[in-house]
Amino acid sequence: MDAKQFLAEFGHIANAPGGIGKLRELILQLAVQGKLIVYTASDLSSRVLLDEVRALKAELVSCKKLPRQKPYPEVLRREIAVDAPSHWEWARFGELWQLLSGRDLVPSKYNDSKNGIPYITGASNIVNGIIVVNRWTPDPVVISSTGDLLITCKGTIGKTVFNTLGEVHIARQIMAIRNFSKKLDSGFLKIWLDGFVSQLVEKSKSMIPGFSRDDLELAAYPVLPIEEQSRIVAKVEELMALCDKLEAQQQARRILQNALRQSTLQAVASATCPYELQIAWARLADNFGQLFHALEDVAAFKGLILDLAVSGALLTTETRHASTGADLIDAIADARIEWSKVAINQEKKE
C-alpha cells in the first residue's frame, strides 16, 4: 500500500472530526497485522529468527547476564488473529524482550541540581516523544540504558519513548524494555506496543490506571523476518509523515475557515439596512457548509441568530404586527390596573 492508495482509500476519514487520529490508529493496526507491505519469501524465516533469540537468551541466562525465569506458556491459536500472516511465528513477549520495572526513590535520594544521572518518574517526563529531565539521582537502583524503550505503566499509561540519554533511573510508573538479543527491530516493537496500548488500558483494574509485568510479558508477540520488520517500520514512518502533512494542511485550512466565518458573521451582524442584511445573509447561506465544520463553530452562529431576533431583524416589514411596542406597554399597564382591582392580601400589597 503506497501513499497514493492510502490517501484514496482513507482521505474521507481524515476530513472527519478526529479523523487523523483514527488514521494513525489504523496504520498501527494494519502494520502489526502484516497488511502494509508485501511479504518477500527470500527473507530469513521467522522460525530461524525465533530459535536464534531463544538460544541467545539461554546463553545469557547461563552466564548470569539475564535473570533466570520460569518457562512461559505456549501461545494458543485463539490468541492469534485468524488473518495473521501464516509465515509469522508467535512467542510470549517476555521470551523476546527484557523488561525492567522501575522503583521509586525517597526525596533524600534525588535532587534538581543535576547531581547524578537523570531520574524519570512518569508520563510528565515524556513530552512529544522527548524525555524531559527535571530530577537527578546519585543513587540509582533500576537503570535504563541507551536504546531501551520506556513505557508508562501507571497513571497515564501507554506513553512510549526511546531512551537516548544514556543511563537513567526509572521510577515505578515506568518500565524499560531492552532488546537483549539485538536480533529484533526496536522500531517494530514500538509500533506493536503503541497499538497494544488500548488493550493495556482495558486491563487496568484499579482506581489508578496501570498494568502489571504479566500483562505485558504474557502477551503474544509476533516474530517475523528482520527484513520484514524493517520494511514495516519504514512504511509506518512514511504514512505517519503523510498524516503529519495532512494534519498541517487541516490546521492551515482551519485558520482560514475561522477567519472567513468570523468576517461573514460580522457582515450579517453589522448590516445597517434590510438590503445589506439580505446580501450578507445570502452569502452566509451559500457558504454554510464551508464555514461550519465542527460543533464549536455553531456557537457564534447561535449568538448571531439571538441578536438578530431581539433586534427585530428576523422579520420583514410585511410580517410585522400592525401595533407598536408602545401599544403593548399601554396594554400591559391597563391589565395591571384591572388586576389590582381584584387582588387581595399579599397580591394587593405588591
Protein backbone atom coordinates (compact mmCIF):
# COMPACT_ATOMS: atom_id res chain seq x y z
CA MET A 1 0.00 0.00 0.00
CA ASP A 2 1.66 3.23 -1.17
CA ALA A 3 0.94 6.78 -0.06
CA LYS A 4 -1.30 7.46 -3.09
CA GLN A 5 -3.51 4.45 -2.41
CA PHE A 6 -3.59 5.30 1.30
CA LEU A 7 -4.98 8.76 0.53
CA ALA A 8 -7.51 7.40 -1.96
CA GLU A 9 -8.96 4.90 0.50
CA PHE A 10 -8.82 6.84 3.74
CA GLY A 11 -8.99 10.51 2.74
CA HIS A 12 -12.63 10.81 3.77
CA ILE A 13 -11.71 9.60 7.27
CA ALA A 14 -9.01 12.26 7.58
CA ASN A 15 -11.53 15.03 6.95
CA ALA A 16 -13.88 13.84 9.69
CA PRO A 17 -13.55 15.23 13.25
CA GLY A 18 -10.67 13.33 14.87
CA GLY A 19 -10.01 11.62 11.55
CA ILE A 20 -6.22 11.95 11.61
CA GLY A 21 -6.06 10.22 14.98
CA LYS A 22 -8.20 7.38 13.62
CA LEU A 23 -5.89 7.09 10.61
CA ARG A 24 -2.85 6.79 12.89
CA GLU A 25 -4.58 4.01 14.84
CA LEU A 26 -5.47 2.25 11.59
CA ILE A 27 -1.87 2.44 10.36
CA LEU A 28 -0.63 0.77 13.54
CA GLN A 29 -3.33 -1.87 13.33
CA LEU A 30 -2.53 -2.72 9.71
CA ALA A 31 1.20 -2.73 10.49
CA VAL A 32 1.01 -5.37 13.22
CA GLN A 33 -1.32 -7.43 11.01
CA GLY A 34 1.28 -7.51 8.23
CA LYS A 35 -1.03 -5.73 5.79
CA LEU A 36 1.08 -2.69 4.93
CA ILE A 37 3.71 -4.45 2.83
CA VAL A 38 4.15 -7.44 0.55
CA TYR A 39 5.93 -10.47 2.02
CA THR A 40 9.21 -11.45 0.33
CA ALA A 41 9.89 -15.19 0.53
CA SER A 42 13.66 -14.67 0.36
CA ASP A 43 13.71 -13.25 3.89
CA LEU A 44 15.24 -15.31 6.70
CA SER A 45 12.43 -17.43 8.13
CA SER A 46 10.61 -16.43 11.30
CA ARG A 47 11.29 -19.83 12.88
CA VAL A 48 15.05 -19.47 12.43
CA LEU A 49 14.95 -15.99 13.98
CA LEU A 50 12.88 -17.19 16.95
CA ASP A 51 15.23 -20.11 17.56
CA GLU A 52 18.24 -17.77 17.46
CA VAL A 53 16.71 -15.40 20.02
CA ARG A 54 15.78 -18.25 22.33
CA ALA A 55 19.28 -19.78 22.07
CA LEU A 56 20.94 -16.44 22.78
CA LYS A 57 18.71 -15.86 25.78
CA ALA A 58 19.57 -19.29 27.20
CA GLU A 59 23.25 -18.46 26.81
CA LEU A 60 22.88 -15.06 28.55
CA VAL A 61 20.95 -16.69 31.39
CA SER A 62 23.62 -19.33 31.85
CA CYS A 63 26.24 -16.55 32.01
CA LYS A 64 24.04 -14.73 34.54
CA LYS A 65 23.74 -11.72 32.26
CA LEU A 66 19.98 -12.18 32.29
CA PRO A 67 17.86 -13.37 35.23
CA ARG A 68 16.50 -16.90 35.12
CA GLN A 69 12.73 -17.05 34.56
CA LYS A 70 10.02 -19.65 34.76
CA PRO A 71 9.05 -21.21 31.40
CA TYR A 72 6.42 -19.22 29.55
CA PRO A 73 3.24 -20.95 28.34
CA GLU A 74 2.92 -21.65 24.64
CA VAL A 75 0.93 -19.14 22.63
CA LEU A 76 -2.51 -20.59 21.92
CA ARG A 77 -4.09 -20.50 18.49
CA ARG A 78 -7.04 -18.48 19.79
CA GLU A 79 -4.61 -15.71 20.80
CA ILE A 80 -3.59 -15.22 17.18
CA ALA A 81 -5.74 -13.33 14.69
CA VAL A 82 -7.34 -15.58 12.08
CA ASP A 83 -5.93 -13.49 9.23
CA ALA A 84 -2.39 -13.23 10.68
CA PRO A 85 0.36 -13.96 8.11
CA SER A 86 1.00 -17.69 8.01
CA HIS A 87 4.80 -17.30 7.94
CA TRP A 88 4.87 -15.41 11.25
CA GLU A 89 5.84 -17.19 14.46
CA TRP A 90 4.50 -16.25 17.89
CA ALA A 91 6.06 -16.19 21.34
CA ARG A 92 5.44 -14.60 24.71
CA PHE A 93 6.68 -11.04 24.93
CA GLY A 94 8.86 -11.89 27.92
CA GLU A 95 10.75 -14.51 25.91
CA LEU A 96 11.94 -11.93 23.41
CA TRP A 97 12.43 -8.74 25.40
CA GLN A 98 13.93 -7.96 28.77
CA LEU A 99 11.53 -5.99 30.96
CA LEU A 100 12.79 -3.75 33.79
CA SER A 101 10.32 -2.49 36.38
CA GLY A 102 11.13 0.90 37.89
CA ARG A 103 11.41 1.77 41.56
CA ASP A 104 10.60 4.99 43.40
CA LEU A 105 13.25 6.82 45.42
CA VAL A 106 12.72 8.70 48.67
CA PRO A 107 13.16 12.51 48.36
CA SER A 108 16.55 12.42 50.02
CA LYS A 109 17.85 10.25 47.16
CA TYR A 110 17.17 12.68 44.30
CA ASN A 111 17.68 16.37 43.54
CA ASP A 112 17.09 19.12 40.99
CA SER A 113 20.72 20.28 40.86
CA LYS A 114 21.86 17.80 38.17
CA ASN A 115 23.78 15.71 40.69
CA GLY A 116 23.91 12.11 39.39
CA ILE A 117 22.00 10.55 36.48
CA PRO A 118 18.50 11.57 35.27
CA TYR A 119 15.57 10.28 37.34
CA ILE A 120 12.50 9.60 35.16
CA THR A 121 9.32 9.39 37.22
CA GLY A 122 6.39 9.15 34.82
CA ALA A 123 4.34 10.47 31.92
CA SER A 124 5.18 14.11 32.73
CA ASN A 125 8.78 13.36 31.69
CA ILE A 126 7.68 12.32 28.18
CA VAL A 127 6.68 15.28 26.01
CA ASN A 128 6.19 14.98 22.25
CA GLY A 129 8.39 11.91 22.05
CA ILE A 130 11.23 13.51 24.03
CA ILE A 131 12.43 12.78 27.57
CA VAL A 132 12.30 15.90 29.74
CA VAL A 133 14.60 15.72 32.78
CA ASN A 134 13.94 17.71 35.95
CA ARG A 135 15.35 15.39 38.62
CA TRP A 136 18.64 13.56 39.09
CA THR A 137 19.92 10.91 41.48
CA PRO A 138 23.44 9.87 42.55
CA ASP A 139 21.97 6.61 43.94
CA PRO A 140 20.23 4.82 41.03
CA VAL A 141 18.69 1.41 41.60
CA VAL A 142 16.90 0.46 38.37
CA ILE A 143 18.95 1.76 35.46
CA SER A 144 17.75 2.06 31.87
CA SER A 145 20.36 2.28 29.12
CA THR A 146 20.52 3.91 25.70
CA GLY A 147 18.20 2.17 23.24
CA ASP A 148 15.70 0.93 25.83
CA LEU A 149 12.08 1.67 25.05
CA LEU A 150 10.40 3.30 28.04
CA ILE A 151 6.66 2.93 28.60
CA THR A 152 4.47 4.45 31.31
CA CYS A 153 2.67 1.68 33.21
CA LYS A 154 0.90 3.62 35.98
CA GLY A 155 -1.34 6.69 35.91
CA THR A 156 -1.24 7.93 32.32
CA ILE A 157 -0.33 4.63 30.73
CA GLY A 158 0.99 3.74 27.30
CA LYS A 159 3.25 6.71 26.56
CA THR A 160 6.42 5.43 24.91
CA VAL A 161 9.82 6.94 24.15
CA PHE A 162 13.28 5.62 23.36
CA ASN A 163 16.00 6.33 25.90
CA THR A 164 18.56 8.45 24.08
CA LEU A 165 20.11 9.96 27.22
CA GLY A 166 22.27 7.09 28.42
CA GLU A 167 21.88 5.76 31.94
CA VAL A 168 18.72 6.93 33.71
CA HIS A 169 16.94 5.71 36.83
CA ILE A 170 13.27 4.85 36.28
CA ALA A 171 10.52 5.12 38.89
CA ARG A 172 7.71 2.60 39.38
CA GLN A 173 5.45 4.37 36.85
CA ILE A 174 7.93 3.44 34.12
CA MET A 175 9.03 0.16 32.60
CA ALA A 176 12.07 -0.21 30.35
CA ILE A 177 12.07 -2.73 27.50
CA ARG A 178 15.51 -3.89 26.39
CA ASN A 179 16.45 -5.56 23.10
CA PHE A 180 18.87 -8.03 24.69
CA SER A 181 19.30 -10.14 21.54
CA LYS A 182 19.86 -7.24 19.09
CA LYS A 183 18.15 -9.52 16.56
CA LEU A 184 14.73 -7.83 16.69
CA ASP A 185 13.75 -4.41 15.37
CA SER A 186 13.05 -2.00 18.24
CA GLY A 187 11.15 0.22 15.83
CA PHE A 188 8.70 -2.59 15.18
CA LEU A 189 8.47 -3.12 18.93
CA LYS A 190 7.33 0.48 19.38
CA ILE A 191 4.74 0.11 16.62
CA TRP A 192 3.40 -3.07 18.22
CA LEU A 193 3.39 -1.53 21.68
CA ASP A 194 1.67 1.68 20.56
CA GLY A 195 -1.06 -0.46 19.01
CA PHE A 196 -1.25 -2.68 22.10
CA VAL A 197 -1.85 0.29 24.42
CA SER A 198 -5.63 0.12 24.01
CA GLN A 199 -5.59 -3.46 25.29
CA LEU A 200 -3.40 -2.42 28.20
CA VAL A 201 -5.91 0.30 29.08
CA GLU A 202 -8.66 -2.33 29.22
CA LYS A 203 -6.52 -4.40 31.57
CA SER A 204 -6.24 -1.51 34.05
CA LYS A 205 -8.10 -2.75 37.09
CA SER A 206 -7.62 -0.20 39.88
CA MET A 207 -8.75 3.37 40.60
CA ILE A 208 -5.32 4.45 39.34
CA PRO A 209 -4.94 3.02 35.81
CA GLY A 210 -2.00 0.69 35.32
CA PHE A 211 -0.83 -2.66 34.05
CA SER A 212 1.43 -5.30 35.52
CA ARG A 213 4.53 -7.08 34.25
CA ASP A 214 2.44 -10.16 33.46
CA ASP A 215 0.04 -8.14 31.33
CA LEU A 216 2.94 -7.34 29.04
CA GLU A 217 5.26 -10.33 29.44
CA LEU A 218 2.49 -12.86 28.71
CA ALA A 219 1.21 -11.04 25.63
CA ALA A 220 1.50 -12.89 22.31
CA TYR A 221 4.18 -11.15 20.24
CA PRO A 222 4.73 -11.74 16.51
CA VAL A 223 8.13 -12.90 15.29
CA LEU A 224 8.72 -12.08 11.64
CA PRO A 225 11.83 -11.81 9.47
CA ILE A 226 14.01 -8.86 10.47
CA GLU A 227 13.94 -7.53 6.91
CA GLU A 228 10.14 -7.55 7.00
CA GLN A 229 10.14 -5.77 10.35
CA SER A 230 12.37 -3.06 8.90
CA ARG A 231 10.13 -2.61 5.85
CA ILE A 232 7.05 -2.30 8.06
CA VAL A 233 8.80 0.32 10.19
CA ALA A 234 9.76 2.28 7.07
CA LYS A 235 6.18 2.12 5.72
CA VAL A 236 4.71 3.25 9.03
CA GLU A 237 7.13 6.17 9.16
CA GLU A 238 6.14 7.12 5.60
CA LEU A 239 2.42 7.01 6.36
CA MET A 240 2.78 8.79 9.70
CA ALA A 241 4.70 11.58 7.90
CA LEU A 242 1.79 11.74 5.47
CA CYS A 243 -0.60 12.08 8.42
CA ASP A 244 1.57 14.89 9.76
CA LYS A 245 1.29 16.65 6.39
CA LEU A 246 -2.49 16.18 6.28
CA GLU A 247 -2.76 17.48 9.84
CA ALA A 248 -0.74 20.59 8.99
CA GLN A 249 -2.93 21.21 5.95
CA GLN A 250 -6.06 20.83 8.06
CA GLN A 251 -4.76 23.29 10.63
CA ALA A 252 -3.94 25.85 7.95
CA ARG A 253 -7.36 25.38 6.36
CA ARG A 254 -8.95 25.69 9.80
CA ILE A 255 -7.29 29.07 10.38
CA LEU A 256 -8.61 30.36 7.05
CA GLN A 257 -12.04 28.91 7.75
CA ASN A 258 -12.25 30.62 11.15
CA ALA A 259 -11.25 33.98 9.66
CA LEU A 260 -13.82 33.68 6.85
CA ARG A 261 -16.57 32.60 9.26
CA GLN A 262 -15.92 35.50 11.60
CA SER A 263 -15.93 38.06 8.78
CA THR A 264 -19.14 36.59 7.31
CA LEU A 265 -20.94 36.63 10.67
CA GLN A 266 -19.70 40.15 11.32
CA ALA A 267 -21.10 41.29 7.97
CA VAL A 268 -24.52 39.95 8.94
CA ALA A 269 -24.39 41.46 12.43
CA SER A 270 -23.29 44.90 11.23
CA ALA A 271 -25.81 45.25 8.40
CA THR A 272 -27.42 48.72 8.61
CA CYS A 273 -30.42 48.16 6.36
CA PRO A 274 -32.60 45.27 5.14
CA TYR A 275 -30.79 45.18 1.78
CA GLU A 276 -27.35 44.80 3.40
CA LEU A 277 -28.74 42.12 5.70
CA GLN A 278 -30.23 40.23 2.76
CA ILE A 279 -26.93 40.25 0.84
CA ALA A 280 -24.86 39.24 3.89
CA TRP A 281 -27.30 36.50 4.84
CA ALA A 282 -27.30 35.08 1.31
CA ARG A 283 -23.51 34.90 1.41
CA LEU A 284 -23.71 33.06 4.75
CA ALA A 285 -26.30 30.59 3.46
CA ASP A 286 -24.42 29.87 0.22
CA ASN A 287 -21.20 29.01 2.09
CA PHE A 288 -22.67 27.41 5.20
CA GLY A 289 -21.01 24.01 4.63
CA GLN A 290 -17.55 25.57 4.27
CA LEU A 291 -17.96 27.98 7.20
CA PHE A 292 -19.21 25.50 9.80
CA HIS A 293 -17.25 22.28 10.19
CA ALA A 294 -17.19 21.47 13.92
CA LEU A 295 -19.77 21.74 16.70
CA GLU A 296 -17.92 24.62 18.35
CA ASP A 297 -18.27 26.66 15.15
CA VAL A 298 -22.03 26.86 15.64
CA ALA A 299 -21.88 28.74 18.96
CA ALA A 300 -21.19 32.11 17.32
CA PHE A 301 -23.93 31.45 14.75
CA LYS A 302 -26.46 30.79 17.51
CA GLY A 303 -25.46 34.04 19.18
CA LEU A 304 -25.96 35.92 15.90
CA ILE A 305 -29.47 34.48 15.50
CA LEU A 306 -30.42 35.59 19.01
CA ASP A 307 -29.03 39.07 18.39
CA LEU A 308 -31.00 39.37 15.16
CA ALA A 309 -34.12 38.10 16.92
CA VAL A 310 -34.09 40.65 19.77
CA SER A 311 -33.30 43.44 17.31
CA GLY A 312 -36.29 42.57 15.15
CA ALA A 313 -34.17 41.83 12.10
CA LEU A 314 -35.53 38.32 11.56
CA LEU A 315 -38.93 39.59 10.37
CA THR A 316 -39.69 41.53 7.21
CA THR A 317 -41.91 44.61 7.31
CA GLU A 318 -44.72 42.57 5.75
CA THR A 319 -44.72 40.03 8.60
CA ARG A 320 -44.55 42.53 11.43
CA HIS A 321 -47.64 43.26 13.56
CA ALA A 322 -49.55 46.47 12.96
CA SER A 323 -49.35 47.52 16.62
CA THR A 324 -46.23 49.05 18.21
CA GLY A 325 -44.22 48.41 21.31
CA ALA A 326 -45.87 51.41 22.92
CA ASP A 327 -49.25 49.81 22.32
CA LEU A 328 -48.06 46.69 24.13
CA ILE A 329 -46.78 48.68 27.12
CA ASP A 330 -50.13 50.50 27.38
CA ALA A 331 -51.99 47.19 27.23
CA ILE A 332 -49.81 45.75 30.00
CA ALA A 333 -50.45 48.84 32.17
CA ASP A 334 -54.21 48.55 31.66
CA ALA A 335 -54.12 44.85 32.53
CA ARG A 336 -52.16 45.61 35.69
CA ILE A 337 -54.76 48.15 36.80
CA GLU A 338 -57.56 45.66 36.27
CA TRP A 339 -55.58 43.00 38.17
CA SER A 340 -55.07 45.34 41.11
CA LYS A 341 -58.83 45.78 41.46
CA VAL A 342 -59.30 42.09 42.24
CA ALA A 343 -56.01 41.41 44.04
CA ILE A 344 -56.16 40.55 47.76
CA ASN A 345 -53.77 40.22 50.69
CA GLN A 346 -50.12 39.93 49.59
CA GLU A 347 -51.03 40.35 45.92
CA LYS A 348 -52.77 43.61 46.77
CA LYS A 349 -49.77 44.84 48.70
CA GLU A 350 -47.47 44.05 45.80
